[in-house]
Amino acid sequence: MFRSSKRDGAEFSSVYVRGLRGVPREAREMAELSKRRKEIDQTKSTLAASKREADDTRQTMAAETKHCGRETEKKRRQFTVWRVKILPPKQSSRLTRRFNRLLRRH
């Protein structure tokens, strides 16, 4: 697969399979490294996505099991959309605490 030859004092390798004839070894290694890095990034992103999905399912399952003994009204309020906290981080804690306290009262 490889055939190395000395040319101008620098070592060149030509790979017949990939058609990189006379490409410097450094360039080829850089190409392989970047390809490997892309593969690693792809794997990382897919892993992160699957982890997020698993966390979401775990949270919903925990919420369902926690509320299954209580009446359905509380469960419905638990899963309403406006309970989701989409607030900037500074005010979030205080506002959500007040909001959830208000929700709990009713």
C-alpha atoms as a PDB file:
ATOM      1  CA  MET A   1       0.000   0.000   0.000  1.00  0.00           C
ATOM      2  CA  PHE A   2       2.823   2.399   0.824  1.00  0.00           C
ATOM      3  CA  ARG A   3       5.894   3.106  -1.224  1.00  0.00           C
ATOM      4  CA  SER A   4       8.387   5.565   0.184  1.00  0.00           C
ATOM      5  CA  SER A   5      11.062   7.188  -1.878  1.00  0.00           C
ATOM      6  CA  LYS A   6      13.670   9.830  -1.131  1.00  0.00           C
ATOM      7  CA  ARG A   7      13.138  12.963  -3.170  1.00  0.00           C
ATOM      8  CA  ASP A   8      14.977  16.278  -2.546  1.00  0.00           C
ATOM      9  CA  GLY A   9      16.146  14.983   0.807  1.00  0.00           C
ATOM     10  CA  ALA A  10      12.575  14.972   2.154  1.00  0.00           C
ATOM     11  CA  GLU A  11      10.682  11.740   2.486  1.00  0.00           C
ATOM     12  CA  PHE A  12       7.528  11.368   0.412  1.00  0.00           C
ATOM     13  CA  SER A  13       5.050   8.519   0.500  1.00  0.00           C
ATOM     14  CA  SER A  14       2.539   7.759  -2.173  1.00  0.00           C
ATOM     15  CA  VAL A  15      -0.649   5.944  -1.347  1.00  0.00           C
ATOM     16  CA  TYR A  16      -2.129   4.221  -4.349  1.00  0.00           C
ATOM     17  CA  VAL A  17      -5.483   3.481  -2.752  1.00  0.00           C
ATOM     18  CA  ARG A  18      -6.353   7.098  -2.056  1.00  0.00           C
ATOM     19  CA  GLY A  19      -4.645   8.419  -5.146  1.00  0.00           C
ATOM     20  CA  LEU A  20      -2.332  10.667  -3.105  1.00  0.00           C
ATOM     21  CA  ARG A  21       0.766  10.058  -5.182  1.00  0.00           C
ATOM     22  CA  GLY A  22       3.786  11.989  -3.970  1.00  0.00           C
ATOM     23  CA  VAL A  23       1.991  13.772  -1.131  1.00  0.00           C
ATOM     24  CA  PRO A  24       4.211  14.598   1.861  1.00  0.00           C
ATOM     25  CA  ARG A  25       3.667  12.389   4.873  1.00  0.00           C
ATOM     26  CA  GLU A  26       2.935  15.431   7.089  1.00  0.00           C
ATOM     27  CA  ALA A  27       0.107  16.588   4.817  1.00  0.00           C
ATOM     28  CA  ARG A  28      -1.396  13.112   4.684  1.00  0.00           C
ATOM     29  CA  GLU A  29      -1.181  12.749   8.459  1.00  0.00           C
ATOM     30  CA  MET A  30      -2.799  16.157   8.920  1.00  0.00           C
ATOM     31  CA  ALA A  31      -5.645  15.098   6.622  1.00  0.00           C
ATOM     32  CA  GLU A  32      -6.126  11.870   8.571  1.00  0.00           C
ATOM     33  CA  LEU A  33      -6.012  13.779  11.862  1.00  0.00           C
ATOM     34  CA  SER A  34      -8.654  16.260  10.738  1.00  0.00           C
ATOM     35  CA  LYS A  35     -10.838  13.388   9.513  1.00  0.00           C
ATOM     36  CA  ARG A  36     -10.436  11.613  12.845  1.00  0.00           C
ATOM     37  CA  ARG A  37     -11.258  14.842  14.701  1.00  0.00           C
ATOM     38  CA  LYS A  38     -14.434  15.230  12.645  1.00  0.00           C
ATOM     39  CA  GLU A  39     -15.437  11.659  13.490  1.00  0.00           C
ATOM     40  CA  ILE A  40     -14.774  12.284  17.195  1.00  0.00           C
ATOM     41  CA  ASP A  41     -16.832  15.488  17.150  1.00  0.00           C
ATOM     42  CA  GLN A  42     -19.668  13.642  15.407  1.00  0.00           C
ATOM     43  CA  THR A  43     -19.579  10.884  18.023  1.00  0.00           C
ATOM     44  CA  LYS A  44     -19.501  13.425  20.842  1.00  0.00           C
ATOM     45  CA  SER A  45     -22.517  15.292  19.481  1.00  0.00           C
ATOM     46  CA  THR A  46     -24.535  12.094  19.010  1.00  0.00           C
ATOM     47  CA  LEU A  47     -23.601  10.983  22.527  1.00  0.00           C
ATOM     48  CA  ALA A  48     -24.662  14.336  23.960  1.00  0.00           C
ATOM     49  CA  ALA A  49     -27.972  14.172  22.079  1.00  0.00           C
ATOM     50  CA  SER A  50     -28.721  10.651  23.320  1.00  0.00           C
ATOM     51  CA  LYS A  51     -27.751  11.681  26.862  1.00  0.00           C
ATOM     52  CA  ARG A  52     -30.123  14.662  26.714  1.00  0.00           C
ATOM     53  CA  GLU A  53     -32.894  12.397  25.440  1.00  0.00           C
ATOM     54  CA  ALA A  54     -32.270   9.890  28.230  1.00  0.00           C
ATOM     55  CA  ASP A  55     -32.288  12.675  30.832  1.00  0.00           C
ATOM     56  CA  ASP A  56     -35.592  13.996  29.481  1.00  0.00           C
ATOM     57  CA  THR A  57     -37.222  10.569  29.567  1.00  0.00           C
ATOM     58  CA  ARG A  58     -35.852   9.929  33.049  1.00  0.00           C
ATOM     59  CA  GLN A  59     -37.254  13.230  34.315  1.00  0.00           C
ATOM     60  CA  THR A  60     -40.692  12.648  32.803  1.00  0.00           C
ATOM     61  CA  MET A  61     -40.785   9.097  34.159  1.00  0.00           C
ATOM     62  CA  ALA A  62     -39.780  10.318  37.612  1.00  0.00           C
ATOM     63  CA  ALA A  63     -42.456  13.007  37.502  1.00  0.00           C
ATOM     64  CA  GLU A  64     -45.089  10.501  36.383  1.00  0.00           C
ATOM     65  CA  THR A  65     -44.209   7.982  39.069  1.00  0.00           C
ATOM     66  CA  LYS A  66     -44.117  10.720  41.684  1.00  0.00           C
ATOM     67  CA  HIS A  67     -47.573  11.979  40.794  1.00  0.00           C
ATOM     68  CA  CYS A  68     -49.322   8.745  39.912  1.00  0.00           C
ATOM     69  CA  GLY A  69     -50.804   8.340  43.408  1.00  0.00           C
ATOM     70  CA  ARG A  70     -52.275  11.838  43.500  1.00  0.00           C
ATOM     71  CA  GLU A  71     -55.296  13.158  41.650  1.00  0.00           C
ATOM     72  CA  THR A  72     -55.045  13.854  37.936  1.00  0.00           C
ATOM     73  CA  GLU A  73     -55.573  17.595  38.383  1.00  0.00           C
ATOM     74  CA  LYS A  74     -52.183  17.969  40.072  1.00  0.00           C
ATOM     75  CA  LYS A  75     -50.569  15.793  37.436  1.00  0.00           C
ATOM     76  CA  ARG A  76     -52.075  17.940  34.689  1.00  0.00           C
ATOM     77  CA  ARG A  77     -50.759  21.086  36.353  1.00  0.00           C
ATOM     78  CA  GLN A  78     -47.355  19.406  36.676  1.00  0.00           C
ATOM     79  CA  PHE A  79     -47.114  18.919  32.915  1.00  0.00           C
ATOM     80  CA  THR A  80     -48.548  22.233  31.729  1.00  0.00           C
ATOM     81  CA  VAL A  81     -46.268  24.141  29.404  1.00  0.00           C
ATOM     82  CA  TRP A  82     -46.071  27.407  31.326  1.00  0.00           C
ATOM     83  CA  ARG A  83     -44.469  25.577  34.258  1.00  0.00           C
ATOM     84  CA  VAL A  84     -41.326  25.340  32.147  1.00  0.00           C
ATOM     85  CA  LYS A  85     -38.836  27.932  33.352  1.00  0.00           C
ATOM     86  CA  ILE A  86     -37.551  29.950  30.416  1.00  0.00           C
ATOM     87  CA  LEU A  87     -36.056  32.972  32.121  1.00  0.00           C
ATOM     88  CA  PRO A  88     -32.683  34.697  32.048  1.00  0.00           C
ATOM     89  CA  PRO A  89     -30.398  33.343  34.765  1.00  0.00           C
ATOM     90  CA  LYS A  90     -30.234  36.485  36.934  1.00  0.00           C
ATOM     91  CA  GLN A  91     -33.936  36.793  37.802  1.00  0.00           C
ATOM     92  CA  SER A  92     -34.770  33.154  37.224  1.00  0.00           C
ATOM     93  CA  SER A  93     -34.383  31.772  40.740  1.00  0.00           C
ATOM     94  CA  ARG A  94     -36.468  34.376  42.570  1.00  0.00           C
ATOM     95  CA  LEU A  95     -39.197  34.625  39.957  1.00  0.00           C
ATOM     96  CA  THR A  96     -39.578  30.881  39.494  1.00  0.00           C
ATOM     97  CA  ARG A  97     -39.709  30.351  43.236  1.00  0.00           C
ATOM     98  CA  ARG A  98     -42.525  32.872  43.549  1.00  0.00           C
ATOM     99  CA  PHE A  99     -44.264  31.457  40.494  1.00  0.00           C
ATOM    100  CA  ASN A 100     -44.099  27.880  41.741  1.00  0.00           C
ATOM    101  CA  ARG A 101     -45.271  28.945  45.186  1.00  0.00           C
ATOM    102  CA  LEU A 102     -48.278  30.622  43.585  1.00  0.00           C
ATOM    103  CA  LEU A 103     -48.968  27.499  41.547  1.00  0.00           C
ATOM    104  CA  ARG A 104     -48.713  25.260  44.596  1.00  0.00           C
ATOM    105  CA  ARG A 105     -51.276  27.287  46.519  1.00  0.00           C
ATOM    106  CA  HIS A 106     -54.024  26.634  43.990  1.00  0.00           C
END
